[in-house]
N, C-alpha and C. Protein backbone atom coordinates (compact mmCIF):
# COMPACT_ATOMS: atom_id res chain seq x y z
N MET A 1 41.21 8.42 34.34
CA MET A 1 39.83 8.74 33.99
C MET A 1 39.05 7.44 33.79
N SER A 2 37.89 7.37 34.39
CA SER A 2 37.11 6.14 34.29
C SER A 2 36.41 6.06 32.93
N ARG A 3 36.17 4.84 32.50
CA ARG A 3 35.51 4.62 31.22
C ARG A 3 34.07 4.22 31.47
N ASP A 4 33.17 4.71 30.60
CA ASP A 4 31.74 4.38 30.69
C ASP A 4 31.42 3.25 29.72
N VAL A 5 32.03 2.07 29.91
CA VAL A 5 31.80 0.95 29.00
C VAL A 5 30.40 0.40 29.23
N VAL A 6 29.58 0.42 28.16
CA VAL A 6 28.20 -0.04 28.26
C VAL A 6 27.97 -1.33 27.48
N GLY A 7 28.92 -1.70 26.63
CA GLY A 7 28.79 -2.92 25.85
C GLY A 7 30.14 -3.56 25.63
N MET A 8 30.17 -4.90 25.72
CA MET A 8 31.41 -5.66 25.53
C MET A 8 31.09 -6.93 24.77
N TRP A 9 31.85 -7.20 23.71
CA TRP A 9 31.60 -8.39 22.91
C TRP A 9 32.93 -9.03 22.54
N GLU A 10 32.91 -10.36 22.36
CA GLU A 10 34.09 -11.08 21.88
C GLU A 10 33.74 -11.67 20.52
N VAL A 11 34.57 -11.35 19.53
CA VAL A 11 34.33 -11.79 18.16
C VAL A 11 35.50 -12.63 17.69
N SER A 12 35.21 -13.85 17.27
CA SER A 12 36.25 -14.76 16.77
C SER A 12 36.25 -14.73 15.25
N LEU A 13 37.35 -14.25 14.67
CA LEU A 13 37.53 -14.22 13.22
C LEU A 13 38.70 -15.13 12.85
N SER A 14 38.91 -15.33 11.57
CA SER A 14 40.02 -16.19 11.13
C SER A 14 41.37 -15.67 11.60
N ASP A 15 41.53 -14.35 11.63
CA ASP A 15 42.83 -13.79 11.98
C ASP A 15 42.98 -13.50 13.48
N GLY A 16 42.03 -13.92 14.30
CA GLY A 16 42.19 -13.74 15.74
C GLY A 16 40.87 -13.55 16.46
N ILE A 17 40.98 -13.42 17.78
CA ILE A 17 39.83 -13.17 18.63
C ILE A 17 39.91 -11.73 19.09
N TYR A 18 38.82 -10.99 18.89
CA TYR A 18 38.81 -9.56 19.17
C TYR A 18 37.82 -9.23 20.28
N GLN A 19 38.28 -8.44 21.26
CA GLN A 19 37.44 -7.95 22.35
C GLN A 19 37.02 -6.53 21.96
N ILE A 20 35.72 -6.31 21.78
CA ILE A 20 35.20 -5.00 21.39
C ILE A 20 34.48 -4.40 22.59
N GLU A 21 34.84 -3.15 22.91
CA GLU A 21 34.20 -2.43 24.01
C GLU A 21 33.61 -1.14 23.46
N PHE A 22 32.46 -0.74 24.01
CA PHE A 22 31.79 0.47 23.57
C PHE A 22 31.47 1.35 24.76
N GLU A 23 31.89 2.61 24.67
CA GLU A 23 31.60 3.62 25.68
C GLU A 23 30.54 4.55 25.12
N HIS A 24 29.54 4.87 25.93
CA HIS A 24 28.48 5.78 25.48
C HIS A 24 28.18 6.73 26.62
N GLY A 25 28.55 7.97 26.45
CA GLY A 25 28.23 9.00 27.45
C GLY A 25 26.87 9.58 27.11
N THR A 26 25.85 9.22 27.88
CA THR A 26 24.49 9.65 27.53
C THR A 26 24.24 11.11 27.85
N THR A 27 25.09 11.74 28.65
CA THR A 27 24.92 13.17 28.90
C THR A 27 25.71 14.01 27.89
N THR A 28 26.86 13.50 27.44
CA THR A 28 27.70 14.25 26.50
C THR A 28 27.53 13.77 25.07
N GLY A 29 26.95 12.58 24.88
CA GLY A 29 26.82 12.02 23.54
C GLY A 29 28.08 11.36 23.06
N LYS A 30 29.09 11.27 23.93
CA LYS A 30 30.38 10.68 23.55
C LYS A 30 30.20 9.21 23.17
N ARG A 31 30.89 8.79 22.10
CA ARG A 31 30.93 7.39 21.68
C ARG A 31 32.39 7.02 21.42
N VAL A 32 32.84 5.95 22.09
CA VAL A 32 34.22 5.48 21.91
C VAL A 32 34.19 3.97 21.73
N ILE A 33 34.93 3.49 20.73
CA ILE A 33 35.03 2.05 20.47
C ILE A 33 36.48 1.63 20.66
N TYR A 34 36.66 0.55 21.42
CA TYR A 34 37.99 -0.04 21.65
C TYR A 34 37.99 -1.45 21.09
N ILE A 35 39.08 -1.83 20.43
CA ILE A 35 39.28 -3.22 20.02
C ILE A 35 40.57 -3.69 20.68
N ASN A 36 40.44 -4.74 21.48
CA ASN A 36 41.56 -5.28 22.27
C ASN A 36 42.26 -4.18 23.06
N GLY A 37 41.45 -3.28 23.65
CA GLY A 37 41.97 -2.22 24.50
C GLY A 37 42.47 -0.99 23.78
N LYS A 38 42.52 -1.01 22.45
CA LYS A 38 43.03 0.13 21.68
C LYS A 38 41.86 0.93 21.11
N GLU A 39 41.87 2.23 21.34
CA GLU A 39 40.81 3.09 20.83
C GLU A 39 40.87 3.15 19.30
N VAL A 40 39.73 2.84 18.65
CA VAL A 40 39.69 2.84 17.18
C VAL A 40 38.71 3.87 16.63
N LEU A 41 37.81 4.38 17.48
CA LEU A 41 36.86 5.39 17.02
C LEU A 41 36.42 6.23 18.22
N ARG A 42 36.36 7.55 18.01
CA ARG A 42 35.89 8.45 19.07
C ARG A 42 35.07 9.56 18.44
N ARG A 43 33.89 9.77 19.01
CA ARG A 43 33.04 10.89 18.60
C ARG A 43 32.58 11.58 19.89
N ASP A 44 32.93 12.86 20.02
CA ASP A 44 32.51 13.63 21.18
C ASP A 44 31.36 14.56 20.81
N TRP A 45 30.54 14.86 21.78
CA TRP A 45 29.44 15.82 21.63
C TRP A 45 28.50 15.47 20.49
N MET A 46 28.04 14.23 20.49
CA MET A 46 27.01 13.80 19.53
C MET A 46 25.66 14.18 20.13
N PHE A 47 24.88 14.98 19.40
CA PHE A 47 23.60 15.43 19.94
C PHE A 47 22.51 14.38 19.77
N LYS A 48 22.70 13.47 18.82
CA LYS A 48 21.75 12.37 18.63
C LYS A 48 22.29 11.18 19.41
N LEU A 49 21.57 10.77 20.45
CA LEU A 49 22.08 9.71 21.33
C LEU A 49 21.84 8.31 20.79
N VAL A 50 20.96 8.15 19.80
CA VAL A 50 20.72 6.84 19.20
C VAL A 50 21.33 6.83 17.80
N GLY A 51 21.49 5.63 17.23
CA GLY A 51 22.06 5.53 15.89
C GLY A 51 22.97 4.33 15.76
N LYS A 52 23.92 4.45 14.83
CA LYS A 52 24.84 3.34 14.54
C LYS A 52 26.26 3.86 14.43
N GLU A 53 27.19 3.00 14.77
CA GLU A 53 28.62 3.26 14.54
C GLU A 53 29.19 2.05 13.82
N THR A 54 29.75 2.28 12.64
CA THR A 54 30.32 1.19 11.84
C THR A 54 31.84 1.35 11.80
N PHE A 55 32.55 0.22 11.91
CA PHE A 55 34.00 0.25 11.97
C PHE A 55 34.55 -1.10 11.51
N PRO A 56 35.81 -1.14 11.04
CA PRO A 56 36.41 -2.41 10.62
C PRO A 56 37.06 -3.15 11.79
N VAL A 57 37.04 -4.49 11.70
CA VAL A 57 37.67 -5.34 12.71
C VAL A 57 38.61 -6.32 12.01
N GLY A 58 39.80 -6.46 12.56
CA GLY A 58 40.75 -7.45 12.04
C GLY A 58 41.49 -7.01 10.80
N SER A 59 42.42 -7.85 10.38
CA SER A 59 43.28 -7.52 9.24
C SER A 59 42.53 -7.56 7.92
N THR A 60 41.37 -8.23 7.89
CA THR A 60 40.59 -8.28 6.65
C THR A 60 39.53 -7.19 6.59
N GLY A 61 39.45 -6.34 7.63
CA GLY A 61 38.49 -5.24 7.63
C GLY A 61 37.05 -5.67 7.72
N THR A 62 36.77 -6.74 8.46
CA THR A 62 35.39 -7.21 8.63
C THR A 62 34.53 -6.08 9.18
N LYS A 63 33.37 -5.87 8.56
CA LYS A 63 32.49 -4.75 8.93
C LYS A 63 31.71 -5.06 10.20
N ALA A 64 31.86 -4.19 11.19
CA ALA A 64 31.13 -4.31 12.45
C ALA A 64 30.30 -3.04 12.66
N THR A 65 29.11 -3.21 13.21
CA THR A 65 28.23 -2.07 13.49
C THR A 65 27.65 -2.23 14.89
N ILE A 66 27.76 -1.17 15.68
CA ILE A 66 27.11 -1.13 16.98
C ILE A 66 25.84 -0.30 16.80
N ASN A 67 24.69 -0.91 17.15
CA ASN A 67 23.40 -0.22 17.09
C ASN A 67 23.06 0.30 18.48
N ILE A 68 22.65 1.56 18.54
CA ILE A 68 22.27 2.19 19.80
C ILE A 68 20.79 2.54 19.69
N GLU A 69 19.98 1.93 20.54
CA GLU A 69 18.53 2.15 20.48
C GLU A 69 18.02 2.54 21.86
N ALA A 70 17.10 3.50 21.90
CA ALA A 70 16.46 3.90 23.16
C ALA A 70 15.39 2.87 23.50
N ILE A 71 15.36 2.44 24.75
CA ILE A 71 14.34 1.49 25.18
C ILE A 71 13.21 2.26 25.85
N THR A 72 13.52 2.90 26.98
CA THR A 72 12.55 3.75 27.67
C THR A 72 13.31 4.90 28.31
N GLY A 73 12.77 6.09 28.19
CA GLY A 73 13.40 7.26 28.82
C GLY A 73 14.87 7.37 28.48
N PHE A 74 15.72 7.17 29.49
CA PHE A 74 17.16 7.28 29.27
C PHE A 74 17.87 5.93 29.35
N ALA A 75 17.12 4.86 29.04
CA ALA A 75 17.72 3.52 28.99
C ALA A 75 17.99 3.17 27.53
N TYR A 76 19.15 2.58 27.28
CA TYR A 76 19.56 2.26 25.92
C TYR A 76 19.93 0.80 25.79
N GLU A 77 19.77 0.28 24.56
CA GLU A 77 20.16 -1.09 24.25
C GLU A 77 21.24 -1.02 23.18
N TYR A 78 22.30 -1.82 23.36
CA TYR A 78 23.43 -1.82 22.44
C TYR A 78 23.57 -3.23 21.84
N THR A 79 23.57 -3.31 20.52
CA THR A 79 23.75 -4.60 19.86
C THR A 79 24.87 -4.49 18.84
N LEU A 80 25.56 -5.61 18.63
CA LEU A 80 26.66 -5.65 17.67
C LEU A 80 26.26 -6.51 16.49
N GLU A 81 26.51 -5.99 15.30
CA GLU A 81 26.32 -6.77 14.06
C GLU A 81 27.68 -6.95 13.40
N ILE A 82 27.88 -8.12 12.82
CA ILE A 82 29.11 -8.40 12.06
C ILE A 82 28.67 -8.77 10.65
N ASN A 83 29.20 -8.06 9.67
CA ASN A 83 28.83 -8.26 8.26
C ASN A 83 27.31 -8.26 8.06
N GLY A 84 26.63 -7.35 8.77
CA GLY A 84 25.19 -7.19 8.60
C GLY A 84 24.32 -8.20 9.33
N LYS A 85 24.94 -9.10 10.11
CA LYS A 85 24.18 -10.11 10.85
C LYS A 85 24.35 -9.88 12.35
N SER A 86 23.35 -10.28 13.13
CA SER A 86 23.51 -10.19 14.59
C SER A 86 24.73 -11.01 14.98
N LEU A 87 25.34 -10.67 16.09
CA LEU A 87 26.55 -11.38 16.51
C LEU A 87 26.29 -12.88 16.62
N GLN A 88 25.15 -13.27 17.22
CA GLN A 88 24.85 -14.69 17.38
C GLN A 88 24.69 -15.38 16.04
N SER A 89 23.98 -14.73 15.12
CA SER A 89 23.79 -15.31 13.78
C SER A 89 25.13 -15.44 13.05
N PHE A 90 25.99 -14.42 13.20
CA PHE A 90 27.32 -14.47 12.59
C PHE A 90 28.14 -15.63 13.15
N LEU A 91 28.12 -15.79 14.48
CA LEU A 91 28.90 -16.86 15.11
C LEU A 91 28.37 -18.24 14.73
N ASP A 92 27.04 -18.37 14.66
CA ASP A 92 26.45 -19.65 14.24
C ASP A 92 26.88 -20.00 12.83
N ASN A 93 26.84 -19.02 11.92
CA ASN A 93 27.26 -19.24 10.53
C ASN A 93 28.76 -19.51 10.46
N ARG A 94 29.52 -18.81 11.28
CA ARG A 94 30.98 -18.95 11.28
C ARG A 94 31.38 -20.38 11.66
N SER A 95 30.65 -20.98 12.59
CA SER A 95 30.99 -22.35 12.99
C SER A 95 30.72 -23.34 11.87
N LYS A 96 29.86 -22.97 10.92
CA LYS A 96 29.59 -23.84 9.77
C LYS A 96 30.64 -23.68 8.68
N ILE A 97 31.19 -22.46 8.53
CA ILE A 97 32.11 -22.21 7.41
C ILE A 97 33.58 -22.20 7.81
N SER A 98 33.86 -22.45 9.10
CA SER A 98 35.27 -22.51 9.51
C SER A 98 35.47 -23.61 10.54
N LYS A 99 36.71 -23.99 10.70
CA LYS A 99 37.09 -25.03 11.66
C LYS A 99 38.34 -24.52 12.38
N THR A 100 38.35 -24.59 13.71
CA THR A 100 39.45 -24.04 14.49
C THR A 100 40.06 -25.11 15.39
N TRP A 101 41.37 -25.13 15.43
CA TRP A 101 42.12 -25.99 16.35
C TRP A 101 43.03 -25.10 17.18
N VAL A 102 43.10 -25.37 18.48
CA VAL A 102 44.03 -24.67 19.36
C VAL A 102 44.95 -25.73 19.96
N LEU A 103 46.26 -25.53 19.79
CA LEU A 103 47.23 -26.51 20.25
C LEU A 103 48.50 -25.83 20.69
N LYS A 104 49.38 -26.59 21.30
CA LYS A 104 50.69 -26.07 21.69
C LYS A 104 51.73 -26.62 20.72
N LEU A 105 52.54 -25.71 20.15
CA LEU A 105 53.66 -26.10 19.29
C LEU A 105 54.91 -25.45 19.85
N ASP A 106 55.90 -26.24 20.14
CA ASP A 106 57.16 -25.74 20.72
C ASP A 106 56.90 -24.92 21.98
N GLY A 107 55.91 -25.34 22.79
CA GLY A 107 55.62 -24.68 24.05
C GLY A 107 54.76 -23.43 23.96
N ALA A 108 54.39 -23.01 22.75
CA ALA A 108 53.58 -21.80 22.58
C ALA A 108 52.19 -22.16 22.05
N ASP A 109 51.19 -21.37 22.45
CA ASP A 109 49.84 -21.58 21.95
C ASP A 109 49.78 -21.28 20.46
N CYS A 110 49.04 -22.11 19.75
CA CYS A 110 48.91 -21.96 18.30
C CYS A 110 47.43 -22.14 17.95
N ARG A 111 46.89 -21.19 17.21
CA ARG A 111 45.48 -21.23 16.79
C ARG A 111 45.45 -21.35 15.27
N ILE A 112 44.96 -22.49 14.78
CA ILE A 112 44.89 -22.73 13.33
C ILE A 112 43.43 -22.74 12.92
N VAL A 113 43.11 -21.95 11.89
CA VAL A 113 41.73 -21.82 11.42
C VAL A 113 41.69 -22.16 9.93
N LEU A 114 40.74 -23.02 9.57
CA LEU A 114 40.47 -23.35 8.17
C LEU A 114 39.17 -22.68 7.78
N GLU A 115 39.21 -21.88 6.71
CA GLU A 115 37.98 -21.32 6.15
C GLU A 115 37.51 -22.30 5.10
N LYS A 116 36.43 -23.02 5.39
CA LYS A 116 35.97 -24.10 4.52
C LYS A 116 35.52 -23.60 3.15
N ASP A 117 34.99 -22.39 3.07
CA ASP A 117 34.48 -21.90 1.79
C ASP A 117 35.60 -21.50 0.83
N THR A 118 36.74 -21.03 1.34
CA THR A 118 37.85 -20.62 0.48
C THR A 118 39.06 -21.54 0.58
N MET A 119 39.06 -22.41 1.61
CA MET A 119 40.18 -23.30 1.94
C MET A 119 41.43 -22.51 2.37
N ASP A 120 41.25 -21.25 2.78
CA ASP A 120 42.35 -20.47 3.35
C ASP A 120 42.66 -21.02 4.74
N VAL A 121 43.95 -21.01 5.10
CA VAL A 121 44.38 -21.46 6.42
C VAL A 121 45.08 -20.29 7.10
N TRP A 122 44.71 -20.06 8.36
CA TRP A 122 45.30 -19.00 9.17
C TRP A 122 45.97 -19.62 10.38
N CYS A 123 47.13 -19.09 10.75
CA CYS A 123 47.82 -19.54 11.95
C CYS A 123 48.18 -18.31 12.77
N ASN A 124 47.63 -18.23 13.98
CA ASN A 124 47.89 -17.10 14.87
C ASN A 124 47.70 -15.75 14.19
N GLY A 125 46.62 -15.64 13.42
CA GLY A 125 46.28 -14.37 12.80
C GLY A 125 46.92 -14.09 11.46
N GLN A 126 47.75 -14.99 10.97
CA GLN A 126 48.41 -14.80 9.68
C GLN A 126 47.95 -15.87 8.70
N ARG A 127 47.60 -15.42 7.49
CA ARG A 127 47.25 -16.40 6.46
C ARG A 127 48.54 -17.10 6.04
N VAL A 128 48.47 -18.44 5.93
CA VAL A 128 49.68 -19.19 5.57
C VAL A 128 49.57 -19.72 4.15
N GLU A 129 50.71 -19.91 3.54
CA GLU A 129 50.80 -20.45 2.18
C GLU A 129 50.47 -21.94 2.24
N THR A 130 49.59 -22.39 1.36
CA THR A 130 49.18 -23.80 1.37
C THR A 130 49.36 -24.42 -0.01
N THR A 131 49.42 -25.75 -0.01
CA THR A 131 49.43 -26.52 -1.24
C THR A 131 48.35 -27.59 -1.10
N GLY A 132 47.43 -27.61 -2.06
CA GLY A 132 46.35 -28.59 -2.01
C GLY A 132 46.58 -29.72 -2.99
N GLU A 133 46.14 -30.91 -2.61
CA GLU A 133 46.24 -32.04 -3.53
C GLU A 133 45.12 -33.02 -3.25
N PHE A 134 44.77 -33.77 -4.29
CA PHE A 134 43.74 -34.80 -4.15
C PHE A 134 44.37 -36.07 -3.62
N ALA A 135 43.66 -36.76 -2.75
CA ALA A 135 44.12 -38.04 -2.20
C ALA A 135 43.03 -39.07 -2.49
N ASP A 136 43.31 -40.33 -2.20
CA ASP A 136 42.35 -41.40 -2.46
C ASP A 136 41.04 -41.19 -1.71
N ASP A 137 41.11 -40.67 -0.50
CA ASP A 137 39.90 -40.53 0.31
C ASP A 137 39.41 -39.09 0.47
N GLY A 138 39.91 -38.15 -0.33
CA GLY A 138 39.48 -36.75 -0.24
C GLY A 138 40.57 -35.80 -0.71
N THR A 139 40.74 -34.71 0.03
CA THR A 139 41.79 -33.74 -0.32
C THR A 139 42.70 -33.51 0.87
N GLU A 140 43.89 -33.02 0.58
CA GLU A 140 44.86 -32.68 1.62
C GLU A 140 45.38 -31.29 1.35
N THR A 141 45.41 -30.47 2.39
CA THR A 141 45.95 -29.12 2.30
C THR A 141 47.20 -29.08 3.17
N HIS A 142 48.36 -28.89 2.55
CA HIS A 142 49.64 -28.92 3.26
C HIS A 142 50.14 -27.51 3.52
N PHE A 143 50.75 -27.32 4.70
CA PHE A 143 51.36 -26.04 5.05
C PHE A 143 52.35 -26.28 6.19
N ALA A 144 53.12 -25.27 6.51
CA ALA A 144 54.11 -25.40 7.58
C ALA A 144 53.86 -24.34 8.64
N VAL A 145 54.10 -24.74 9.89
CA VAL A 145 54.09 -23.81 11.01
C VAL A 145 55.44 -23.96 11.68
N GLY A 146 56.30 -22.98 11.50
CA GLY A 146 57.67 -23.10 11.99
C GLY A 146 58.35 -24.26 11.29
N ASN A 147 58.90 -25.19 12.07
CA ASN A 147 59.55 -26.38 11.51
C ASN A 147 58.62 -27.58 11.45
N HIS A 148 57.33 -27.35 11.66
CA HIS A 148 56.37 -28.45 11.70
C HIS A 148 55.61 -28.56 10.38
N GLU A 149 55.52 -29.79 9.88
CA GLU A 149 54.73 -30.05 8.68
C GLU A 149 53.30 -30.32 9.09
N CYS A 150 52.39 -29.56 8.50
CA CYS A 150 50.97 -29.68 8.85
C CYS A 150 50.15 -30.06 7.63
N CYS A 151 49.02 -30.72 7.89
CA CYS A 151 48.14 -31.14 6.81
C CYS A 151 46.71 -31.17 7.34
N ILE A 152 45.80 -30.58 6.58
CA ILE A 152 44.38 -30.69 6.89
C ILE A 152 43.79 -31.63 5.85
N LYS A 153 43.25 -32.75 6.34
CA LYS A 153 42.64 -33.73 5.44
C LYS A 153 41.13 -33.55 5.46
N ALA A 154 40.55 -33.47 4.27
CA ALA A 154 39.10 -33.37 4.12
C ALA A 154 38.61 -34.68 3.55
N THR A 155 37.79 -35.39 4.32
CA THR A 155 37.26 -36.68 3.87
C THR A 155 35.75 -36.70 4.03
N SER A 156 35.11 -37.52 3.24
CA SER A 156 33.66 -37.64 3.31
C SER A 156 33.27 -38.36 4.59
N ALA A 157 32.19 -37.91 5.20
CA ALA A 157 31.69 -38.56 6.41
C ALA A 157 30.94 -39.84 6.08
N GLY A 158 30.71 -40.07 4.79
CA GLY A 158 30.01 -41.28 4.37
C GLY A 158 28.51 -41.07 4.27
N LYS A 159 28.00 -40.05 4.96
CA LYS A 159 26.58 -39.73 4.89
C LYS A 159 26.43 -38.30 4.42
N ARG A 160 25.54 -38.09 3.51
CA ARG A 160 25.35 -36.77 2.92
C ARG A 160 25.05 -35.71 3.98
N ARG A 161 24.28 -36.07 4.98
CA ARG A 161 23.88 -35.13 6.03
C ARG A 161 25.07 -34.65 6.85
N ASN A 162 26.04 -35.50 7.06
CA ASN A 162 27.20 -35.15 7.87
C ASN A 162 28.26 -34.36 7.10
N GLY A 163 28.22 -34.42 5.78
CA GLY A 163 29.14 -33.62 4.97
C GLY A 163 30.57 -34.10 4.99
N ILE A 164 31.49 -33.14 5.12
CA ILE A 164 32.92 -33.41 5.04
C ILE A 164 33.54 -33.24 6.42
N ILE A 165 34.45 -34.14 6.75
CA ILE A 165 35.17 -34.08 8.03
C ILE A 165 36.57 -33.52 7.75
N HIS A 166 36.94 -32.47 8.50
CA HIS A 166 38.26 -31.87 8.37
C HIS A 166 39.09 -32.27 9.59
N SER A 167 40.27 -32.84 9.34
CA SER A 167 41.16 -33.28 10.41
C SER A 167 42.53 -32.65 10.23
N LEU A 168 43.11 -32.19 11.32
CA LEU A 168 44.44 -31.58 11.30
C LEU A 168 45.48 -32.58 11.76
N PHE A 169 46.56 -32.66 11.00
CA PHE A 169 47.71 -33.50 11.35
C PHE A 169 48.94 -32.60 11.43
N VAL A 170 49.71 -32.75 12.51
CA VAL A 170 50.96 -32.02 12.68
C VAL A 170 52.07 -33.04 12.84
N ASP A 171 53.04 -32.98 11.95
CA ASP A 171 54.14 -33.95 11.92
C ASP A 171 53.61 -35.38 11.92
N GLY A 172 52.51 -35.60 11.20
CA GLY A 172 51.92 -36.92 11.03
C GLY A 172 50.96 -37.35 12.11
N ALA A 173 50.87 -36.60 13.23
CA ALA A 173 49.98 -36.97 14.34
C ALA A 173 48.68 -36.18 14.24
N ARG A 174 47.55 -36.90 14.41
CA ARG A 174 46.24 -36.24 14.33
C ARG A 174 46.02 -35.42 15.60
N ILE A 175 45.54 -34.18 15.40
CA ILE A 175 45.23 -33.28 16.51
C ILE A 175 43.74 -33.39 16.81
N THR A 176 43.39 -33.57 18.07
CA THR A 176 41.97 -33.71 18.42
C THR A 176 41.28 -32.36 18.27
N ASP A 177 40.00 -32.42 17.94
CA ASP A 177 39.21 -31.19 17.77
C ASP A 177 39.09 -30.47 19.08
N THR A 178 39.25 -29.13 19.01
CA THR A 178 39.11 -28.34 20.23
C THR A 178 38.01 -27.29 20.13
N MET A 179 37.59 -26.92 18.94
CA MET A 179 36.54 -25.91 18.80
C MET A 179 35.60 -26.30 17.71
């Protein structure tokens, strides 16, 4: 059976990257939401063709809402909001409050995310246990990924406007920024 996918979005959260798809049957009123290919919400025979569908995304239950608005006649516009913000506004804010590194460890892809506001560290979608300590030039957050010792160092950029620089070290080697 073919799918009537009318909207597709990619959302990057601390616990992973999520592909959200939305099906809207404008003759039947059907609404179906898929996250990473898995159906998470289905409503058949909706008589009101416009409105909102709210659903959780990720292991932390981040609130997502798809807005369905009529433009002209039988043309519709679909927008995604994350935590009450437009997707673009959410992503812009996310880049300010988190730092992401993508690297290979033991031949496998590894995605490490630092949430700057809480200092939580995520590795491949799992929050990891960390130990924080003060250092001469800032702070260090230590954690392990498999048999690898990791450390995120937070140091002052020297200028108030530039803020704090976060650097990832794995087994003592600095990892270059990737995101």
